[in-house]
Every structure is written in structure tokens, then in C-alpha cells.
Protein backbone atom coordinates (compact mmCIF):
# COMPACT_ATOMS: atom_id res chain seq x y z
CA ARG A 1 -11.93 -10.78 19.55
CA SER A 2 -8.85 -8.87 17.69
CA VAL A 3 -6.56 -11.68 17.22
CA SER A 4 -9.49 -13.04 14.55
CA TRP A 5 -10.59 -9.87 13.15
CA LEU A 6 -6.25 -9.87 12.57
CA ALA A 7 -6.38 -13.56 11.35
CA LEU A 8 -9.35 -13.14 8.77
CA SER A 9 -7.27 -9.94 6.93
CA VAL A 10 -4.80 -11.30 7.06
CA SER A 11 -5.99 -14.26 5.07
CA VAL A 12 -8.23 -12.93 3.20
CA SER A 13 -5.95 -10.86 1.84
CA LYS A 14 -2.94 -14.06 0.77
CA VAL A 15 -5.29 -16.03 -0.38
CA THR A 16 -6.55 -13.14 -3.10
CA THR A 17 -3.45 -12.09 -3.99
CA LEU A 18 -2.92 -16.14 -4.65
CA LEU A 19 -5.70 -16.20 -6.52
CA ALA A 20 -4.83 -13.24 -8.70
CA LEU A 21 -1.12 -14.02 -9.42
CA ILE A 22 -2.14 -17.48 -10.36
CA VAL A 23 -4.82 -15.33 -13.13
CA LEU A 24 -1.99 -13.70 -14.01
CA GLY A 25 0.17 -16.29 -14.30
CA ARG A 26 -2.30 -18.72 -16.80
CA TYR A 27 -3.27 -15.74 -18.89
CA LEU A 28 -0.42 -13.57 -19.56
CA GLY A 29 1.79 -16.74 -19.78
CA GLU A 30 5.30 -17.00 -19.56
CA GLU A 31 6.72 -13.87 -21.24
CA TYR A 32 4.76 -11.23 -19.56
CA PHE A 33 4.51 -12.49 -16.57
CA GLY A 34 7.78 -12.03 -16.35
CA ARG A 35 7.82 -8.47 -17.74
CA PHE A 36 5.27 -7.73 -14.77
CA ALA A 37 6.91 -9.28 -12.49
CA ILE A 38 9.91 -7.44 -12.93
CA ALA A 39 8.03 -3.92 -13.34
CA LEU A 40 6.46 -4.86 -9.68
CA ALA A 41 9.76 -5.41 -7.95
CA LEU A 42 11.22 -2.25 -8.41
CA PRO A 43 8.44 -0.38 -6.45
CA ALA A 44 8.20 -3.02 -4.13
CA ALA A 45 11.48 -2.89 -3.15
CA LEU A 46 10.94 0.77 -2.64
CA GLU A 47 8.24 0.72 -0.87
CA ALA A 48 9.76 1.47 2.37
CA MET A 49 10.02 4.78 0.77
CA ALA A 50 6.99 5.40 1.22
CA ASP A 51 5.86 5.23 4.50
CA LEU A 52 9.38 5.29 6.52
CA GLY A 53 7.43 3.41 9.24
CA ILE A 54 5.13 6.39 9.61
CA SER A 55 2.06 4.18 10.02
CA TRP A 56 3.85 1.43 13.13
CA ALA A 57 4.84 4.35 15.01
CA LEU A 58 1.47 5.54 14.56
CA ILE A 59 -0.22 2.16 15.75
CA ARG A 60 2.43 2.44 18.60
CA GLU A 61 1.80 6.20 20.23
CA GLY A 62 -1.88 6.35 19.39
CA ALA A 63 -2.51 3.19 21.18
CA HIS A 64 -0.58 4.76 24.15
CA ARG A 65 -1.94 8.41 23.46
CA ARG A 66 -5.67 8.31 22.09
CA SER A 67 -6.41 11.96 22.43
CA GLU A 68 -3.80 12.83 20.50
CA LEU A 69 -3.80 10.16 17.76
CA ASN A 70 -6.05 12.70 15.58
CA GLU A 71 -3.09 15.33 15.73
CA LEU A 72 -0.66 12.14 14.72
CA ALA A 73 -2.78 10.71 11.78
CA ILE A 74 -4.09 13.48 10.06
CA GLY A 75 -0.48 15.84 10.44
CA ALA A 76 1.01 12.28 9.06
CA LEU A 77 -1.13 13.00 5.74
CA ILE A 78 1.35 15.45 4.68
CA PRO A 79 4.83 13.09 4.83
CA LYS A 80 2.72 10.54 3.91
CA LEU A 81 1.91 12.48 -0.23
CA LEU A 82 5.35 13.11 -0.14
CA LEU A 83 7.07 10.40 0.59
CA ALA A 84 4.95 8.62 -2.13
CA CYS A 85 5.09 10.53 -5.03
CA VAL A 86 9.57 10.16 -4.09
CA MET A 87 9.21 6.80 -3.90
CA VAL A 88 7.15 6.88 -7.42
CA GLY A 89 10.17 8.93 -8.66
CA ALA A 90 12.89 6.52 -7.05
CA THR A 91 11.30 4.23 -9.22
CA ALA A 92 10.96 5.95 -12.57
CA ALA A 93 15.00 7.06 -11.13
CA LEU A 94 15.50 3.13 -11.22
CA ALA A 95 13.67 1.84 -14.61
CA SER A 96 15.71 4.37 -16.22
CA ILE A 97 19.53 3.87 -14.85
CA LEU A 98 18.51 -0.90 -15.33
CA GLY A 99 17.27 -0.19 -18.91
CA LEU A 100 14.38 -1.62 -18.56
CA PRO A 101 11.88 -2.15 -22.13
CA ALA A 102 9.27 0.73 -22.55
CA GLU A 103 6.17 -1.64 -21.58
CA VAL A 104 7.90 -2.81 -18.11
CA PHE A 105 9.42 0.66 -17.74
CA GLU A 106 5.71 2.33 -17.52
CA ALA A 107 3.96 -0.65 -15.92
CA ALA A 108 6.79 0.08 -13.54
CA ILE A 109 5.37 3.39 -12.91
CA TYR A 110 2.37 2.63 -12.53
CA LEU A 111 2.60 -0.22 -9.91
CA ALA A 112 4.63 2.08 -7.96
CA ILE A 113 1.88 4.37 -8.08
CA ALA A 114 0.09 1.44 -7.10
CA ARG A 115 2.22 0.98 -3.61
CA ALA A 116 2.12 4.70 -3.10
CA LEU A 117 -1.42 4.90 -2.44
CA ASP A 118 -1.66 1.70 -0.96
CA SER A 119 0.66 3.57 1.80
CA VAL A 120 -1.76 5.86 2.21
CA THR A 121 -4.21 3.53 3.37
CA TYR A 122 -1.94 2.39 5.35
CA LEU A 123 -2.30 4.50 7.70
CA ALA A 124 -6.00 4.61 8.02
CA ARG A 125 -5.53 0.73 8.79
CA ALA A 126 -2.78 1.90 11.52
CA VAL A 127 -5.79 4.04 13.70
CA PHE A 128 -7.76 1.33 12.83
CA GLN A 129 -4.64 -1.26 15.32
CA ALA A 130 -4.58 1.90 17.20
CA THR A 131 -7.91 2.05 18.21
CA GLU A 132 -7.81 -1.65 18.78
CA GLN A 133 -11.34 -1.45 16.34
CA MET A 134 -10.02 -4.41 13.60
CA GLN A 135 -13.38 -5.29 11.93
CA TYR A 136 -12.49 -2.12 10.13
CA ASP A 137 -9.21 -3.47 9.67
CA ALA A 138 -10.11 -6.79 7.93
CA ALA A 139 -12.78 -4.79 6.17
CA SER A 140 -10.50 -2.54 3.99
CA TYR A 141 -8.00 -5.44 3.51
CA THR A 142 -11.16 -7.38 2.02
CA LEU A 143 -12.32 -5.05 -0.02
CA ASP A 144 -8.87 -4.87 -0.80
CA GLY A 145 -8.94 -7.77 -2.32
CA ALA A 146 -12.14 -8.21 -3.70
CA VAL A 147 -11.62 -5.86 -6.15
CA ARG A 148 -8.32 -6.73 -7.32
CA LEU A 149 -9.50 -10.03 -7.99
CA LEU A 150 -12.38 -8.61 -10.12
CA LEU A 151 -10.21 -6.41 -11.89
CA ILE A 152 -7.61 -8.90 -12.79
CA LEU A 153 -10.81 -11.39 -13.65
CA TYR A 154 -12.58 -8.54 -15.81
CA GLY A 155 -9.07 -7.48 -17.63
CA ALA A 156 -7.88 -11.61 -18.22
CA ALA A 157 -11.40 -11.97 -19.42
CA SER A 158 -11.65 -8.20 -21.58
CA GLY A 159 -7.16 -8.70 -23.06
CA PHE A 160 -5.16 -6.76 -21.05
CA GLY A 161 -1.48 -6.78 -21.08
CA VAL A 162 1.41 -6.26 -18.92
CA ILE A 163 0.27 -2.42 -18.59
CA GLY A 164 -3.52 -3.05 -18.54
CA PHE A 165 -2.53 -4.88 -16.00
CA ALA A 166 -0.73 -2.77 -13.71
CA LYS A 167 -3.51 0.40 -14.32
CA ALA A 168 -6.24 -1.78 -13.09
CA LEU A 169 -3.93 -2.36 -9.94
CA VAL A 170 -3.94 1.72 -9.65
CA ILE A 171 -8.04 1.72 -9.74
CA ALA A 172 -8.27 -1.10 -7.01
CA SER A 173 -5.59 0.64 -4.66
CA LEU A 174 -7.26 3.86 -5.24
CA ILE A 175 -10.62 2.52 -4.67
CA THR A 176 -9.25 1.14 -0.91
CA MET A 177 -8.03 4.40 0.23
CA GLY A 178 -10.82 6.32 -1.22
CA GLY A 179 -13.70 4.00 1.28
CA THR A 180 -10.59 3.18 4.38
CA TRP A 181 -10.00 7.02 4.45
CA LEU A 182 -14.31 7.36 4.78
CA VAL A 183 -14.23 5.16 7.05
CA THR A 184 -11.32 6.87 8.88
CA ALA A 185 -12.35 9.85 9.01
CA HIS A 186 -16.11 10.13 9.60
CA ARG A 187 -15.61 7.49 12.43
CA PHE A 188 -12.21 8.16 14.23
CA LEU A 189 -10.94 11.80 12.93
CA ARG A 190 -11.85 15.25 13.06
CA ARG A 191 -10.74 18.44 11.63
CA PRO A 192 -7.55 20.15 13.58
CA GLU A 193 -6.94 22.87 15.20
CA ARG A 194 -4.48 23.24 13.87
CA ILE A 195 -2.13 20.63 11.94
CA ARG A 196 1.53 19.96 13.16
CA LEU A 197 4.35 17.43 10.88
CA PRO A 198 4.95 13.87 13.62
CA VAL A 199 8.55 14.60 13.98
CA ARG A 200 7.78 12.08 16.51
CA LEU A 201 6.38 8.80 14.30
CA LEU A 202 9.97 9.75 11.69
CA ALA A 203 11.77 9.81 14.30
CA ALA A 204 10.27 6.38 15.76
CA GLY A 205 9.86 5.18 12.51
CA LEU A 206 12.81 4.95 10.99
CA PRO A 207 14.54 1.76 12.75
CA LEU A 208 12.13 -0.02 11.46
CA THR A 209 12.80 1.31 8.15
CA VAL A 210 15.55 0.12 8.14
CA VAL A 211 14.44 -3.44 8.88
CA TRP A 212 11.86 -3.15 6.33
CA PHE A 213 14.58 -1.79 3.16
CA LEU A 214 17.06 -5.14 3.59
CA ASP A 215 13.87 -7.03 3.97
CA ASN A 216 12.54 -5.99 0.85
CA ALA A 217 15.19 -4.87 -1.15
CA VAL A 218 18.05 -7.65 -0.49
CA ILE A 219 16.60 -11.17 1.29
CA ARG A 220 14.05 -11.48 -1.32
């Protein structure tokens, strides 16, 4: 059953992403879609910086130690938020070093913010996966894909430019993050007696981060 939900979430994500890219490509045209793609590539290459493997480690550690999942997930929020800010800053620095045009630079910052919000959402989804409640994971991906596609369609109908579409993706990521964390907090987590930094998750996630970084920044 979990495999079916996982297959559904992946399928929905892939299909909606493909449809969104088709709409963007046809609406923006070759030149402006190229600018959007460049702006998107920078945060995508640095995305591993916003996670450091914490989400993957939480799935493994949380599945093996259910009694500690609450403390691990809430404790991981602090470094995740800090790492998200670091990733946005690194994107801005890289875009500045590369001397990108002002429009591409601004779009890259907004898209980095969207990626950072997505990274925080991954942590909530890790709780779903650790507890094998994949229907919530599928619902999160479905919400994400539907909101993104609707906002892009709205942007195309309203005459958005590169920056406008980047801002729309920030809104979509914010809606998905908020909805996913509301469900996670309501159904899976409780207020902890104390909050500790998840040193074990950071240590366990670092090898996965290297692989992720090589995949995003080098292979792609």
C-alpha cells in the first residue's frame, strides 16, 4: 500500500512539473524561458546545502526509533531554517560572481527562496515516510503540483514575466509548506519537553549530501 501511495505521489509530481514546464516554455518563448532556466539552475545546484541529508536521515532514524521521532523532527527544524537561509545567500553570491543580468539575478533569488521552503517541506514529508503514512506524503505532493500548475496558468493568463513566475513559485512553495506542516504538527508531533539540535541526523546525512551535491551540481 505504501508503494502505491509513493508511486502516486511521484507520478503526480512528474506530470504536473512537465505540464508546468510546457506552459512556461510556450508562453515565455525561447529567450525568456532560457533566462528562467538559468535562474532555476543556480538554486537547484545548491539545493543540497539547504538539507545536508537531514530529511533522509530523519526517515531512517525515525523509522528505527519511533519514540524519538518527535524530538528529532522538531529539533531538526532549527538547522533546516538556518541552512535554507545559507542556501539563499549562496545563490545570491554565485549569481553576483557570474555577473548575471538583473532580471535573472532577481529571479534566481526568488527561486532560491522557493527551493528553501521546499526543503523545509521535505522535513515534514520525512515524518510521513518514517511513520509509513504515505497517503499524507502523496497528498502533499499533489497539493504542491496542483498549486504550482494553477499559479503558472494564472501567470500565463495575466501576462507574468520571468520574475513574476519566480514569485508565483515562492507562493506555491509557501502554501505547500504551510499545509504539509499543519498536518504534520496536528497528527504526528507534540510539543517537546526540550529541543535539542539533531547532531546524529547531521552526521548521518552528510554522506548523502555529497552524493546529492555531485548529482545536482556536477552531473546535471
